[in-house]
Amino acid sequence: FSRKRHRPQPPKHFTTQNKHTMTEYNKTELIQALDARFLDIDTETIVTIVDGVFEELKNAIVVEDRVEIKDFGTFTVKKRSAEAGTMPAGMKNSAGVEYNREADYVPEFFPAPVFYDLLNEDETEEKA
């Protein structure tokens, strides 16, 4: 059987008017978008592929400390030094509480120039 191919519409929060508002796009929405886009692949296969991509990405970042995906960006691992201090006054229920954080590793993401330009195209058009 054959379903009609169509270009799925992005979620409402992906419109250019408010594309930089703080909204979430989760794995379920990604799977739904891919399912609508690739009609010849069943949903279970798409779920398996998405899970596999994220698992491989996490494993590669842990093992290699740097993963570069062309036209998307680079993931790196940064060592964060230990820190001790007091929570600032603006923190609800935590103001003035002392804390100690051990040294650890955190992931960082640096967008590729193509991705960066896409994120900022509205701002550059307004300035021109």
PDB file of N, CA and C in Angstrom:
ATOM      1  N   PHE A   1       0.840  -1.167   0.000  1.00  0.00           N
ATOM      2  CA  PHE A   1       0.000   0.000   0.000  1.00  0.00           C
ATOM      3  C   PHE A   1       0.887   1.233   0.000  1.00  0.00           C
ATOM      4  N   SER A   2       0.322   2.336  -0.401  1.00  0.00           N
ATOM      5  CA  SER A   2       1.120   3.551  -0.525  1.00  0.00           C
ATOM      6  C   SER A   2       0.401   4.734   0.113  1.00  0.00           C
ATOM      7  N   ARG A   3       1.114   5.431   0.973  1.00  0.00           N
ATOM      8  CA  ARG A   3       0.569   6.668   1.532  1.00  0.00           C
ATOM      9  C   ARG A   3       1.098   7.832   0.714  1.00  0.00           C
ATOM     10  N   LYS A   4       0.326   8.892   0.613  1.00  0.00           N
ATOM     11  CA  LYS A   4       0.774  10.070  -0.120  1.00  0.00           C
ATOM     12  C   LYS A   4       1.952  10.710   0.594  1.00  0.00           C
ATOM     13  N   ARG A   5       2.932  11.093  -0.180  1.00  0.00           N
ATOM     14  CA  ARG A   5       4.067  11.819   0.399  1.00  0.00           C
ATOM     15  C   ARG A   5       3.705  13.284   0.500  1.00  0.00           C
ATOM     16  N   HIS A   6       4.008  13.868   1.604  1.00  0.00           N
ATOM     17  CA  HIS A   6       3.809  15.298   1.764  1.00  0.00           C
ATOM     18  C   HIS A   6       4.899  15.856   2.663  1.00  0.00           C
ATOM     19  N   ARG A   7       5.124  17.116   2.530  1.00  0.00           N
ATOM     20  CA  ARG A   7       6.122  17.758   3.376  1.00  0.00           C
ATOM     21  C   ARG A   7       5.433  18.131   4.682  1.00  0.00           C
ATOM     22  N   PRO A   8       5.880  17.575   5.810  1.00  0.00           N
ATOM     23  CA  PRO A   8       5.205  17.886   7.068  1.00  0.00           C
ATOM     24  C   PRO A   8       5.412  19.340   7.455  1.00  0.00           C
ATOM     25  N   GLN A   9       4.392  19.913   8.044  1.00  0.00           N
ATOM     26  CA  GLN A   9       4.489  21.283   8.523  1.00  0.00           C
ATOM     27  C   GLN A   9       5.223  21.276   9.860  1.00  0.00           C
ATOM     28  N   PRO A  10       6.120  22.259  10.064  1.00  0.00           N
ATOM     29  CA  PRO A  10       6.822  22.304  11.348  1.00  0.00           C
ATOM     30  C   PRO A  10       5.839  22.662  12.457  1.00  0.00           C
ATOM     31  N   PRO A  11       6.169  22.282  13.690  1.00  0.00           N
ATOM     32  CA  PRO A  11       5.299  22.681  14.797  1.00  0.00           C
ATOM     33  C   PRO A  11       5.154  24.201  14.843  1.00  0.00           C
ATOM     34  N   LYS A  12       4.062  24.670  15.459  1.00  0.00           N
ATOM     35  CA  LYS A  12       3.789  26.105  15.496  1.00  0.00           C
ATOM     36  C   LYS A  12       4.938  26.900  16.089  1.00  0.00           C
ATOM     37  N   HIS A  13       5.647  26.339  17.078  1.00  0.00           N
ATOM     38  CA  HIS A  13       6.723  27.083  17.713  1.00  0.00           C
ATOM     39  C   HIS A  13       7.977  27.165  16.836  1.00  0.00           C
ATOM     40  N   PHE A  14       7.954  26.611  15.626  1.00  0.00           N
ATOM     41  CA  PHE A  14       9.086  26.692  14.714  1.00  0.00           C
ATOM     42  C   PHE A  14       8.913  27.785  13.669  1.00  0.00           C
ATOM     43  N   THR A  15       7.889  28.609  13.777  1.00  0.00           N
ATOM     44  CA  THR A  15       7.700  29.668  12.798  1.00  0.00           C
ATOM     45  C   THR A  15       8.785  30.715  12.964  1.00  0.00           C
ATOM     46  N   THR A  16       9.067  31.454  11.894  1.00  0.00           N
ATOM     47  CA  THR A  16      10.153  32.429  11.949  1.00  0.00           C
ATOM     48  C   THR A  16       9.841  33.602  12.861  1.00  0.00           C
ATOM     49  N   GLN A  17       8.565  33.866  13.121  1.00  0.00           N
ATOM     50  CA  GLN A  17       8.228  34.977  13.993  1.00  0.00           C
ATOM     51  C   GLN A  17       8.725  34.755  15.408  1.00  0.00           C
ATOM     52  N   ASN A  18       8.704  33.532  15.880  1.00  0.00           N
ATOM     53  CA  ASN A  18       9.123  33.276  17.255  1.00  0.00           C
ATOM     54  C   ASN A  18      10.092  32.099  17.345  1.00  0.00           C
ATOM     55  N   LYS A  19      10.982  31.965  16.377  1.00  0.00           N
ATOM     56  CA  LYS A  19      11.821  30.771  16.366  1.00  0.00           C
ATOM     57  C   LYS A  19      12.852  30.731  17.491  1.00  0.00           C
ATOM     58  N   HIS A  20      13.064  31.865  18.169  1.00  0.00           N
ATOM     59  CA  HIS A  20      14.040  31.874  19.256  1.00  0.00           C
ATOM     60  C   HIS A  20      13.389  31.920  20.627  1.00  0.00           C
ATOM     61  N   THR A  21      12.086  31.615  20.710  1.00  0.00           N
ATOM     62  CA  THR A  21      11.448  31.545  22.013  1.00  0.00           C
ATOM     63  C   THR A  21      11.851  30.229  22.674  1.00  0.00           C
ATOM     64  N   MET A  22      11.769  30.193  23.963  1.00  0.00           N
ATOM     65  CA  MET A  22      12.169  29.014  24.703  1.00  0.00           C
ATOM     66  C   MET A  22      11.055  27.970  24.655  1.00  0.00           C
ATOM     67  N   THR A  23      11.138  27.073  23.707  1.00  0.00           N
ATOM     68  CA  THR A  23      10.194  25.974  23.602  1.00  0.00           C
ATOM     69  C   THR A  23      10.985  24.691  23.475  1.00  0.00           C
ATOM     70  N   GLU A  24      10.328  23.596  23.657  1.00  0.00           N
ATOM     71  CA  GLU A  24      11.000  22.306  23.584  1.00  0.00           C
ATOM     72  C   GLU A  24      10.597  21.555  22.320  1.00  0.00           C
ATOM     73  N   TYR A  25      11.519  20.768  21.840  1.00  0.00           N
ATOM     74  CA  TYR A  25      11.253  19.849  20.747  1.00  0.00           C
ATOM     75  C   TYR A  25      11.843  18.536  21.228  1.00  0.00           C
ATOM     76  N   ASN A  26      10.993  17.602  21.599  1.00  0.00           N
ATOM     77  CA  ASN A  26      11.498  16.390  22.223  1.00  0.00           C
ATOM     78  C   ASN A  26      11.628  15.231  21.231  1.00  0.00           C
ATOM     79  N   LYS A  27      12.117  14.116  21.741  1.00  0.00           N
ATOM     80  CA  LYS A  27      12.368  12.957  20.884  1.00  0.00           C
ATOM     81  C   LYS A  27      11.086  12.421  20.267  1.00  0.00           C
ATOM     82  N   THR A  28       9.987  12.474  20.989  1.00  0.00           N
ATOM     83  CA  THR A  28       8.708  12.010  20.447  1.00  0.00           C
ATOM     84  C   THR A  28       8.310  12.838  19.228  1.00  0.00           C
ATOM     85  N   GLU A  29       8.465  14.165  19.316  1.00  0.00           N
ATOM     86  CA  GLU A  29       8.137  15.031  18.181  1.00  0.00           C
ATOM     87  C   GLU A  29       9.075  14.772  17.004  1.00  0.00           C
ATOM     88  N   LEU A  30      10.332  14.497  17.286  1.00  0.00           N
ATOM     89  CA  LEU A  30      11.280  14.161  16.224  1.00  0.00           C
ATOM     90  C   LEU A  30      10.841  12.885  15.513  1.00  0.00           C
ATOM     91  N   ILE A  31      10.484  11.889  16.281  1.00  0.00           N
ATOM     92  CA  ILE A  31      10.038  10.618  15.693  1.00  0.00           C
ATOM     93  C   ILE A  31       8.769  10.829  14.864  1.00  0.00           C
ATOM     94  N   GLN A  32       7.837  11.615  15.365  1.00  0.00           N
ATOM     95  CA  GLN A  32       6.609  11.891  14.619  1.00  0.00           C
ATOM     96  C   GLN A  32       6.904  12.624  13.308  1.00  0.00           C
ATOM     97  N   ALA A  33       7.831  13.574  13.348  1.00  0.00           N
ATOM     98  CA  ALA A  33       8.192  14.314  12.132  1.00  0.00           C
ATOM     99  C   ALA A  33       8.849  13.387  11.114  1.00  0.00           C
ATOM    100  N   LEU A  34       9.739  12.518  11.569  1.00  0.00           N
ATOM    101  CA  LEU A  34      10.392  11.576  10.661  1.00  0.00           C
ATOM    102  C   LEU A  34       9.398  10.565  10.109  1.00  0.00           C
ATOM    103  N   ASP A  35       8.452  10.146  10.944  1.00  0.00           N
ATOM    104  CA  ASP A  35       7.431   9.211  10.507  1.00  0.00           C
ATOM    105  C   ASP A  35       6.562   9.824   9.413  1.00  0.00           C
ATOM    106  N   ALA A  36       6.255  11.116   9.531  1.00  0.00           N
ATOM    107  CA  ALA A  36       5.463  11.803   8.507  1.00  0.00           C
ATOM    108  C   ALA A  36       6.280  12.032   7.238  1.00  0.00           C
ATOM    109  N   ARG A  37       7.588  12.180   7.387  1.00  0.00           N
ATOM    110  CA  ARG A  37       8.450  12.470   6.235  1.00  0.00           C
ATOM    111  C   ARG A  37       8.817  11.209   5.449  1.00  0.00           C
ATOM    112  N   PHE A  38       9.112  10.135   6.149  1.00  0.00           N
ATOM    113  CA  PHE A  38       9.551   8.896   5.508  1.00  0.00           C
ATOM    114  C   PHE A  38       8.434   7.860   5.604  1.00  0.00           C
ATOM    115  N   LEU A  39       7.470   7.974   4.717  1.00  0.00           N
ATOM    116  CA  LEU A  39       6.269   7.151   4.778  1.00  0.00           C
ATOM    117  C   LEU A  39       6.519   5.681   4.471  1.00  0.00           C
ATOM    118  N   ASP A  40       7.632   5.380   3.818  1.00  0.00           N
ATOM    119  CA  ASP A  40       7.917   3.992   3.463  1.00  0.00           C
ATOM    120  C   ASP A  40       8.638   3.235   4.580  1.00  0.00           C
ATOM    121  N   ILE A  41       8.909   3.904   5.714  1.00  0.00           N
ATOM    122  CA  ILE A  41       9.570   3.257   6.849  1.00  0.00           C
ATOM    123  C   ILE A  41       8.578   3.212   8.000  1.00  0.00           C
ATOM    124  N   ASP A  42       8.432   2.028   8.617  1.00  0.00           N
ATOM    125  CA  ASP A  42       7.458   1.910   9.702  1.00  0.00           C
ATOM    126  C   ASP A  42       7.974   2.617  10.969  1.00  0.00           C
ATOM    127  N   THR A  43       7.060   2.987  11.839  1.00  0.00           N
ATOM    128  CA  THR A  43       7.364   3.773  13.032  1.00  0.00           C
ATOM    129  C   THR A  43       8.368   3.065  13.946  1.00  0.00           C
ATOM    130  N   GLU A  44       8.221   1.766  14.115  1.00  0.00           N
ATOM    131  CA  GLU A  44       9.135   1.026  14.991  1.00  0.00           C
ATOM    132  C   GLU A  44      10.577   1.114  14.499  1.00  0.00           C
ATOM    133  N   THR A  45      10.755   1.078  13.194  1.00  0.00           N
ATOM    134  CA  THR A  45      12.098   1.199  12.622  1.00  0.00           C
ATOM    135  C   THR A  45      12.652   2.601  12.862  1.00  0.00           C
ATOM    136  N   ILE A  46      11.804   3.609  12.715  1.00  0.00           N
ATOM    137  CA  ILE A  46      12.243   4.985  12.960  1.00  0.00           C
ATOM    138  C   ILE A  46      12.654   5.150  14.419  1.00  0.00           C
ATOM    139  N   VAL A  47      11.876   4.607  15.349  1.00  0.00           N
ATOM    140  CA  VAL A  47      12.215   4.679  16.773  1.00  0.00           C
ATOM    141  C   VAL A  47      13.564   4.009  17.020  1.00  0.00           C
ATOM    142  N   THR A  48      13.783   2.852  16.430  1.00  0.00           N
ATOM    143  CA  THR A  48      15.043   2.133  16.589  1.00  0.00           C
ATOM    144  C   THR A  48      16.212   2.945  16.043  1.00  0.00           C
ATOM    145  N   ILE A  49      16.026   3.568  14.893  1.00  0.00           N
ATOM    146  CA  ILE A  49      17.086   4.378  14.286  1.00  0.00           C
ATOM    147  C   ILE A  49      17.407   5.602  15.152  1.00  0.00           C
ATOM    148  N   VAL A  50      16.368   6.313  15.587  1.00  0.00           N
ATOM    149  CA  VAL A  50      16.585   7.511  16.413  1.00  0.00           C
ATOM    150  C   VAL A  50      17.291   7.132  17.716  1.00  0.00           C
ATOM    151  N   ASP A  51      16.814   6.088  18.376  1.00  0.00           N
ATOM    152  CA  ASP A  51      17.466   5.631  19.607  1.00  0.00           C
ATOM    153  C   ASP A  51      18.920   5.245  19.344  1.00  0.00           C
ATOM    154  N   GLY A  52      19.153   4.555  18.235  1.00  0.00           N
ATOM    155  CA  GLY A  52      20.513   4.145  17.884  1.00  0.00           C
ATOM    156  C   GLY A  52      21.433   5.320  17.603  1.00  0.00           C
ATOM    157  N   VAL A  53      20.925   6.334  16.907  1.00  0.00           N
ATOM    158  CA  VAL A  53      21.738   7.526  16.609  1.00  0.00           C
ATOM    159  C   VAL A  53      22.139   8.223  17.903  1.00  0.00           C
ATOM    160  N   PHE A  54      21.180   8.431  18.802  1.00  0.00           N
ATOM    161  CA  PHE A  54      21.506   9.101  20.058  1.00  0.00           C
ATOM    162  C   PHE A  54      22.458   8.279  20.911  1.00  0.00           C
ATOM    163  N   GLU A  55      22.275   6.973  20.945  1.00  0.00           N
ATOM    164  CA  GLU A  55      23.161   6.100  21.720  1.00  0.00           C
ATOM    165  C   GLU A  55      24.591   6.140  21.167  1.00  0.00           C
ATOM    166  N   GLU A  56      24.710   6.049  19.836  1.00  0.00           N
ATOM    167  CA  GLU A  56      26.038   6.113  19.219  1.00  0.00           C
ATOM    168  C   GLU A  56      26.694   7.474  19.439  1.00  0.00           C
ATOM    169  N   LEU A  57      25.902   8.537  19.359  1.00  0.00           N
ATOM    170  CA  LEU A  57      26.423   9.877  19.580  1.00  0.00           C
ATOM    171  C   LEU A  57      26.951  10.015  21.006  1.00  0.00           C
ATOM    172  N   LYS A  58      26.170   9.570  21.985  1.00  0.00           N
ATOM    173  CA  LYS A  58      26.624   9.627  23.382  1.00  0.00           C
ATOM    174  C   LYS A  58      27.901   8.816  23.574  1.00  0.00           C
ATOM    175  N   ASN A  59      27.926   7.600  23.051  1.00  0.00           N
ATOM    176  CA  ASN A  59      29.107   6.747  23.214  1.00  0.00           C
ATOM    177  C   ASN A  59      30.331   7.371  22.562  1.00  0.00           C
ATOM    178  N   ALA A  60      30.164   7.944  21.378  1.00  0.00           N
ATOM    179  CA  ALA A  60      31.301   8.554  20.679  1.00  0.00           C
ATOM    180  C   ALA A  60      31.829   9.757  21.446  1.00  0.00           C
ATOM    181  N   ILE A  61      30.942  10.561  22.017  1.00  0.00           N
ATOM    182  CA  ILE A  61      31.386  11.729  22.787  1.00  0.00           C
ATOM    183  C   ILE A  61      32.164  11.280  24.020  1.00  0.00           C
ATOM    184  N   VAL A  62      31.697  10.233  24.688  1.00  0.00           N
ATOM    185  CA  VAL A  62      32.378   9.727  25.881  1.00  0.00           C
ATOM    186  C   VAL A  62      33.756   9.172  25.526  1.00  0.00           C
ATOM    187  N   VAL A  63      33.849   8.422  24.439  1.00  0.00           N
ATOM    188  CA  VAL A  63      35.107   7.773  24.061  1.00  0.00           C
ATOM    189  C   VAL A  63      36.080   8.733  23.386  1.00  0.00           C
ATOM    190  N   GLU A  64      35.591   9.560  22.486  1.00  0.00           N
ATOM    191  CA  GLU A  64      36.462  10.388  21.659  1.00  0.00           C
ATOM    192  C   GLU A  64      36.683  11.812  22.185  1.00  0.00           C
ATOM    193  N   ASP A  65      35.836  12.290  23.062  1.00  0.00           N
ATOM    194  CA  ASP A  65      35.877  13.662  23.581  1.00  0.00           C
ATOM    195  C   ASP A  65      35.525  14.723  22.541  1.00  0.00           C
ATOM    196  N   ARG A  66      35.354  14.349  21.284  1.00  0.00           N
ATOM    197  CA  ARG A  66      35.007  15.314  20.238  1.00  0.00           C
ATOM    198  C   ARG A  66      34.300  14.576  19.106  1.00  0.00           C
ATOM    199  N   VAL A  67      33.127  15.079  18.735  1.00  0.00           N
ATOM    200  CA  VAL A  67      32.378  14.507  17.623  1.00  0.00           C
ATOM    201  C   VAL A  67      31.929  15.663  16.743  1.00  0.00           C
ATOM    202  N   GLU A  68      32.309  15.601  15.472  1.00  0.00           N
ATOM    203  CA  GLU A  68      31.952  16.658  14.526  1.00  0.00           C
ATOM    204  C   GLU A  68      30.979  16.115  13.489  1.00  0.00           C
ATOM    205  N   ILE A  69      29.852  16.822  13.327  1.00  0.00           N
ATOM    206  CA  ILE A  69      28.850  16.439  12.340  1.00  0.00           C
ATOM    207  C   ILE A  69      28.750  17.586  11.340  1.00  0.00           C
ATOM    208  N   LYS A  70      29.129  17.305  10.105  1.00  0.00           N
ATOM    209  CA  LYS A  70      29.186  18.334   9.061  1.00  0.00           C
ATOM    210  C   LYS A  70      27.860  19.089   8.950  1.00  0.00           C
ATOM    211  N   ASP A  71      27.954  20.385   8.820  1.00  0.00           N
ATOM    212  CA  ASP A  71      26.821  21.302   8.676  1.00  0.00           C
ATOM    213  C   ASP A  71      25.871  21.317   9.878  1.00  0.00           C
ATOM    214  N   PHE A  72      26.251  20.661  10.962  1.00  0.00           N
ATOM    215  CA  PHE A  72      25.440  20.705  12.181  1.00  0.00           C
ATOM    216  C   PHE A  72      26.232  21.311  13.324  1.00  0.00           C
ATOM    217  N   GLY A  73      27.343  20.669  13.685  1.00  0.00           N
ATOM    218  CA  GLY A  73      28.156  21.227  14.755  1.00  0.00           C
ATOM    219  C   GLY A  73      29.101  20.206  15.358  1.00  0.00           C
ATOM    220  N   THR A  74      29.778  20.647  16.419  1.00  0.00           N
ATOM    221  CA  THR A  74      30.780  19.828  17.082  1.00  0.00           C
ATOM    222  C   THR A  74      30.436  19.695  18.561  1.00  0.00           C
ATOM    223  N   PHE A  75      30.450  18.468  19.037  1.00  0.00           N
ATOM    224  CA  PHE A  75      30.286  18.184  20.454  1.00  0.00           C
ATOM    225  C   PHE A  75      31.667  17.942  21.032  1.00  0.00           C
ATOM    226  N   THR A  76      31.968  18.568  22.161  1.00  0.00           N
ATOM    227  CA  THR A  76      33.233  18.340  22.846  1.00  0.00           C
ATOM    228  C   THR A  76      32.946  18.074  24.315  1.00  0.00           C
ATOM    229  N   VAL A  77      33.980  17.647  25.028  1.00  0.00           N
ATOM    230  CA  VAL A  77      33.885  17.412  26.461  1.00  0.00           C
ATOM    231  C   VAL A  77      34.851  18.376  27.140  1.00  0.00           C
ATOM    232  N   LYS A  78      34.340  19.067  28.143  1.00  0.00           N
ATOM    233  CA  LYS A  78      35.143  20.053  28.867  1.00  0.00           C
ATOM    234  C   LYS A  78      35.243  19.627  30.327  1.00  0.00           C
ATOM    235  N   LYS A  79      36.450  19.727  30.882  1.00  0.00           N
ATOM    236  CA  LYS A  79      36.609  19.434  32.300  1.00  0.00           C
ATOM    237  C   LYS A  79      36.266  20.699  33.075  1.00  0.00           C
ATOM    238  N   ARG A  80      35.342  20.566  33.996  1.00  0.00           N
ATOM    239  CA  ARG A  80      34.922  21.687  34.832  1.00  0.00           C
ATOM    240  C   ARG A  80      35.581  21.515  36.195  1.00  0.00           C
ATOM    241  N   SER A  81      36.243  22.564  36.660  1.00  0.00           N
ATOM    242  CA  SER A  81      36.963  22.471  37.928  1.00  0.00           C
ATOM    243  C   SER A  81      35.995  22.496  39.110  1.00  0.00           C
ATOM    244  N   ALA A  82      36.497  22.037  40.246  1.00  0.00           N
ATOM    245  CA  ALA A  82      35.702  22.024  41.463  1.00  0.00           C
ATOM    246  C   ALA A  82      35.348  23.452  41.865  1.00  0.00           C
ATOM    247  N   GLU A  83      34.248  23.580  42.575  1.00  0.00           N
ATOM    248  CA  GLU A  83      33.793  24.916  42.953  1.00  0.00           C
ATOM    249  C   GLU A  83      33.079  24.839  44.292  1.00  0.00           C
ATOM    250  N   ALA A  84      33.311  25.843  45.104  1.00  0.00           N
ATOM    251  CA  ALA A  84      32.590  25.978  46.373  1.00  0.00           C
ATOM    252  C   ALA A  84      32.053  27.397  46.428  1.00  0.00           C
ATOM    253  N   GLY A  85      30.907  27.558  47.030  1.00  0.00           N
ATOM    254  CA  GLY A  85      30.357  28.897  47.108  1.00  0.00           C
ATOM    255  C   GLY A  85      29.034  28.917  47.830  1.00  0.00           C
ATOM    256  N   THR A  86      28.334  30.035  47.675  1.00  0.00           N
ATOM    257  CA  THR A  86      27.036  30.239  48.292  1.00  0.00           C
ATOM    258  C   THR A  86      26.032  30.579  47.196  1.00  0.00           C
ATOM    259  N   MET A  87      24.878  29.981  47.266  1.00  0.00           N
ATOM    260  CA  MET A  87      23.844  30.253  46.265  1.00  0.00           C
ATOM    261  C   MET A  87      23.451  31.725  46.341  1.00  0.00           C
ATOM    262  N   PRO A  88      23.261  32.381  45.198  1.00  0.00           N
ATOM    263  CA  PRO A  88      22.923  33.805  45.196  1.00  0.00           C
ATOM    264  C   PRO A  88      21.532  34.074  45.774  1.00  0.00           C
ATOM    265  N   ALA A  89      21.293  35.314  46.124  1.00  0.00           N
ATOM    266  CA  ALA A  89      20.045  35.703  46.782  1.00  0.00           C
ATOM    267  C   ALA A  89      18.818  35.424  45.922  1.00  0.00           C
ATOM    268  N   GLY A  90      18.939  35.449  44.611  1.00  0.00           N
ATOM    269  CA  GLY A  90      17.794  35.263  43.729  1.00  0.00           C
ATOM    270  C   GLY A  90      17.309  33.832  43.603  1.00  0.00           C
ATOM    271  N   MET A  91      18.008  32.886  44.177  1.00  0.00           N
ATOM    272  CA  MET A  91      17.630  31.474  44.044  1.00  0.00           C
ATOM    273  C   MET A  91      16.540  31.120  45.051  1.00  0.00           C
ATOM    274  N   LYS A  92      15.358  30.750  44.551  1.00  0.00           N
ATOM    275  CA  LYS A  92      14.248  30.387  45.443  1.00  0.00           C
ATOM    276  C   LYS A  92      14.625  29.170  46.280  1.00  0.00           C
ATOM    277  N   ASN A  93      14.291  29.208  47.531  1.00  0.00           N
ATOM    278  CA  ASN A  93      14.485  28.096  48.467  1.00  0.00           C
ATOM    279  C   ASN A  93      15.939  27.680  48.634  1.00  0.00           C
ATOM    280  N   SER A  94      16.884  28.372  47.996  1.00  0.00           N
ATOM    281  CA  SER A  94      18.285  27.979  48.104  1.00  0.00           C
ATOM    282  C   SER A  94      19.200  29.147  48.431  1.00  0.00           C
ATOM    283  N   ALA A  95      18.656  30.343  48.535  1.00  0.00           N
ATOM    284  CA  ALA A  95      19.480  31.528  48.768  1.00  0.00           C
ATOM    285  C   ALA A  95      20.297  31.364  50.044  1.00  0.00           C
ATOM    286  N   GLY A  96      21.596  31.628  49.911  1.00  0.00           N
ATOM    287  CA  GLY A  96      22.490  31.559  51.059  1.00  0.00           C
ATOM    288  C   GLY A  96      22.990  30.174  51.398  1.00  0.00           C
ATOM    289  N   VAL A  97      22.513  29.161  50.709  1.00  0.00           N
ATOM    290  CA  VAL A  97      22.947  27.799  50.990  1.00  0.00           C
ATOM    291  C   VAL A  97      24.332  27.588  50.398  1.00  0.00           C
ATOM    292  N   GLU A  98      25.236  27.056  51.210  1.00  0.00           N
ATOM    293  CA  GLU A  98      26.593  26.778  50.721  1.00  0.00           C
ATOM    294  C   GLU A  98      26.586  25.467  49.942  1.00  0.00           C
ATOM    295  N   TYR A  99      27.464  25.405  48.943  1.00  0.00           N
ATOM    296  CA  TYR A  99      27.543  24.187  48.141  1.00  0.00           C
ATOM    297  C   TYR A  99      28.992  23.901  47.783  1.00  0.00           C
ATOM    298  N   ASN A 100      29.269  22.637  47.520  1.00  0.00           N
ATOM    299  CA  ASN A 100      30.561  22.175  47.023  1.00  0.00           C
ATOM    300  C   ASN A 100      30.287  21.291  45.822  1.00  0.00           C
ATOM    301  N   ARG A 101      30.897  21.621  44.702  1.00  0.00           N
ATOM    302  CA  ARG A 101      30.741  20.805  43.507  1.00  0.00           C
ATOM    303  C   ARG A 101      32.103  20.252  43.140  1.00  0.00           C
ATOM    304  N   GLU A 102      32.178  18.958  43.018  1.00  0.00           N
ATOM    305  CA  GLU A 102      33.426  18.315  42.640  1.00  0.00           C
ATOM    306  C   GLU A 102      33.735  18.584  41.175  1.00  0.00           C
ATOM    307  N   ALA A 103      34.986  18.432  40.800  1.00  0.00           N
ATOM    308  CA  ALA A 103      35.381  18.558  39.397  1.00  0.00           C
ATOM    309  C   ALA A 103      34.654  17.484  38.600  1.00  0.00           C
ATOM    310  N   ASP A 104      34.207  17.841  37.405  1.00  0.00           N
ATOM    311  CA  ASP A 104      33.518  16.885  36.560  1.00  0.00           C
ATOM    312  C   ASP A 104      33.687  17.261  35.097  1.00  0.00           C
ATOM    313  N   TYR A 105      33.066  16.478  34.247  1.00  0.00           N
ATOM    314  CA  TYR A 105      33.125  16.712  32.809  1.00  0.00           C
ATOM    315  C   TYR A 105      31.732  17.075  32.316  1.00  0.00           C
ATOM    316  N   VAL A 106      31.666  18.049  31.415  1.00  0.00           N
ATOM    317  CA  VAL A 106      30.387  18.472  30.855  1.00  0.00           C
ATOM    318  C   VAL A 106      30.494  18.531  29.327  1.00  0.00           C
ATOM    319  N   PRO A 107      29.389  18.201  28.641  1.00  0.00           N
ATOM    320  CA  PRO A 107      29.418  18.311  27.175  1.00  0.00           C
ATOM    321  C   PRO A 107      29.224  19.769  26.743  1.00  0.00           C
ATOM    322  N   GLU A 108      29.829  20.122  25.629  1.00  0.00           N
ATOM    323  CA  GLU A 108      29.647  21.437  25.016  1.00  0.00           C
ATOM    324  C   GLU A 108      29.268  21.223  23.563  1.00  0.00           C
ATOM    325  N   PHE A 109      28.536  22.171  23.007  1.00  0.00           N
ATOM    326  CA  PHE A 109      28.152  22.093  21.606  1.00  0.00           C
ATOM    327  C   PHE A 109      28.489  23.405  20.928  1.00  0.00           C
ATOM    328  N   PHE A 110      29.149  23.309  19.777  1.00  0.00           N
ATOM    329  CA  PHE A 110      29.498  24.474  18.968  1.00  0.00           C
ATOM    330  C   PHE A 110      28.851  24.296  17.598  1.00  0.00           C
ATOM    331  N   PRO A 111      27.881  25.148  17.240  1.00  0.00           N
ATOM    332  CA  PRO A 111      27.203  24.971  15.957  1.00  0.00           C
ATOM    333  C   PRO A 111      28.139  25.232  14.777  1.00  0.00           C
ATOM    334  N   ALA A 112      27.932  24.492  13.703  1.00  0.00           N
ATOM    335  CA  ALA A 112      28.673  24.713  12.463  1.00  0.00           C
ATOM    336  C   ALA A 112      28.263  26.070  11.898  1.00  0.00           C
ATOM    337  N   PRO A 113      29.128  26.699  11.090  1.00  0.00           N
ATOM    338  CA  PRO A 113      28.788  28.007  10.507  1.00  0.00           C
ATOM    339  C   PRO A 113      27.452  28.014   9.771  1.00  0.00           C
ATOM    340  N   VAL A 114      27.143  26.957   9.039  1.00  0.00           N
ATOM    341  CA  VAL A 114      25.871  26.882   8.304  1.00  0.00           C
ATOM    342  C   VAL A 114      24.699  26.915   9.284  1.00  0.00           C
ATOM    343  N   PHE A 115      24.821  26.177  10.376  1.00  0.00           N
ATOM    344  CA  PHE A 115      23.780  26.123  11.396  1.00  0.00           C
ATOM    345  C   PHE A 115      23.672  27.470  12.107  1.00  0.00           C
ATOM    346  N   TYR A 116      24.808  28.049  12.461  1.00  0.00           N
ATOM    347  CA  TYR A 116      24.840  29.363  13.122  1.00  0.00           C
ATOM    348  C   TYR A 116      24.155  30.419  12.252  1.00  0.00           C
ATOM    349  N   ASP A 117      24.493  30.419  10.965  1.00  0.00           N
ATOM    350  CA  ASP A 117      23.879  31.390  10.042  1.00  0.00           C
ATOM    351  C   ASP A 117      22.370  31.194   9.953  1.00  0.00           C
ATOM    352  N   LEU A 118      21.920  29.952   9.948  1.00  0.00           N
ATOM    353  CA  LEU A 118      20.495  29.659   9.901  1.00  0.00           C
ATOM    354  C   LEU A 118      19.784  30.198  11.148  1.00  0.00           C
ATOM    355  N   LEU A 119      20.418  30.033  12.299  1.00  0.00           N
ATOM    356  CA  LEU A 119      19.835  30.543  13.541  1.00  0.00           C
ATOM    357  C   LEU A 119      19.746  32.060  13.553  1.00  0.00           C
ATOM    358  N   ASN A 120      20.667  32.730  12.879  1.00  0.00           N
ATOM    359  CA  ASN A 120      20.767  34.174  12.957  1.00  0.00           C
ATOM    360  C   ASN A 120      20.335  34.889  11.694  1.00  0.00           C
ATOM    361  N   GLU A 121      19.729  34.203  10.733  1.00  0.00           N
ATOM    362  CA  GLU A 121      19.396  34.846   9.450  1.00  0.00           C
ATOM    363  C   GLU A 121      18.398  35.973   9.599  1.00  0.00           C
ATOM    364  N   ASP A 122      17.434  35.869  10.509  1.00  0.00           N
ATOM    365  CA  ASP A 122      16.469  36.956  10.705  1.00  0.00           C
ATOM    366  C   ASP A 122      17.149  38.226  11.214  1.00  0.00           C
ATOM    367  N   GLU A 123      18.083  38.082  12.144  1.00  0.00           N
ATOM    368  CA  GLU A 123      18.769  39.230  12.703  1.00  0.00           C
ATOM    369  C   GLU A 123      19.646  39.933  11.667  1.00  0.00           C
ATOM    370  N   THR A 124      20.304  39.159  10.790  1.00  0.00           N
ATOM    371  CA  THR A 124      21.163  39.774   9.787  1.00  0.00           C
ATOM    372  C   THR A 124      20.338  40.476   8.721  1.00  0.00           C
ATOM    373  N   GLU A 125      19.140  39.941   8.399  1.00  0.00           N
ATOM    374  CA  GLU A 125      18.271  40.588   7.410  1.00  0.00           C
ATOM    375  C   GLU A 125      17.738  41.901   7.958  1.00  0.00           C
ATOM    376  N   GLU A 126      17.428  41.960   9.252  1.00  0.00           N
ATOM    377  CA  GLU A 126      16.914  43.182   9.850  1.00  0.00           C
ATOM    378  C   GLU A 126      17.957  44.293   9.857  1.00  0.00           C
ATOM    379  N   LYS A 127      19.236  43.937  10.044  1.00  0.00           N
ATOM    380  CA  LYS A 127      20.309  44.924  10.094  1.00  0.00           C
ATOM    381  C   LYS A 127      20.660  45.468   8.710  1.00  0.00           C
ATOM    382  N   ALA A 128      20.375  44.697   7.669  1.00  0.00           N
ATOM    383  CA  ALA A 128      20.743  45.109   6.299  1.00  0.00           C
ATOM    384  C   ALA A 128      19.855  46.210   5.771  1.00  0.00           C
TER     385      ALA A 128
END
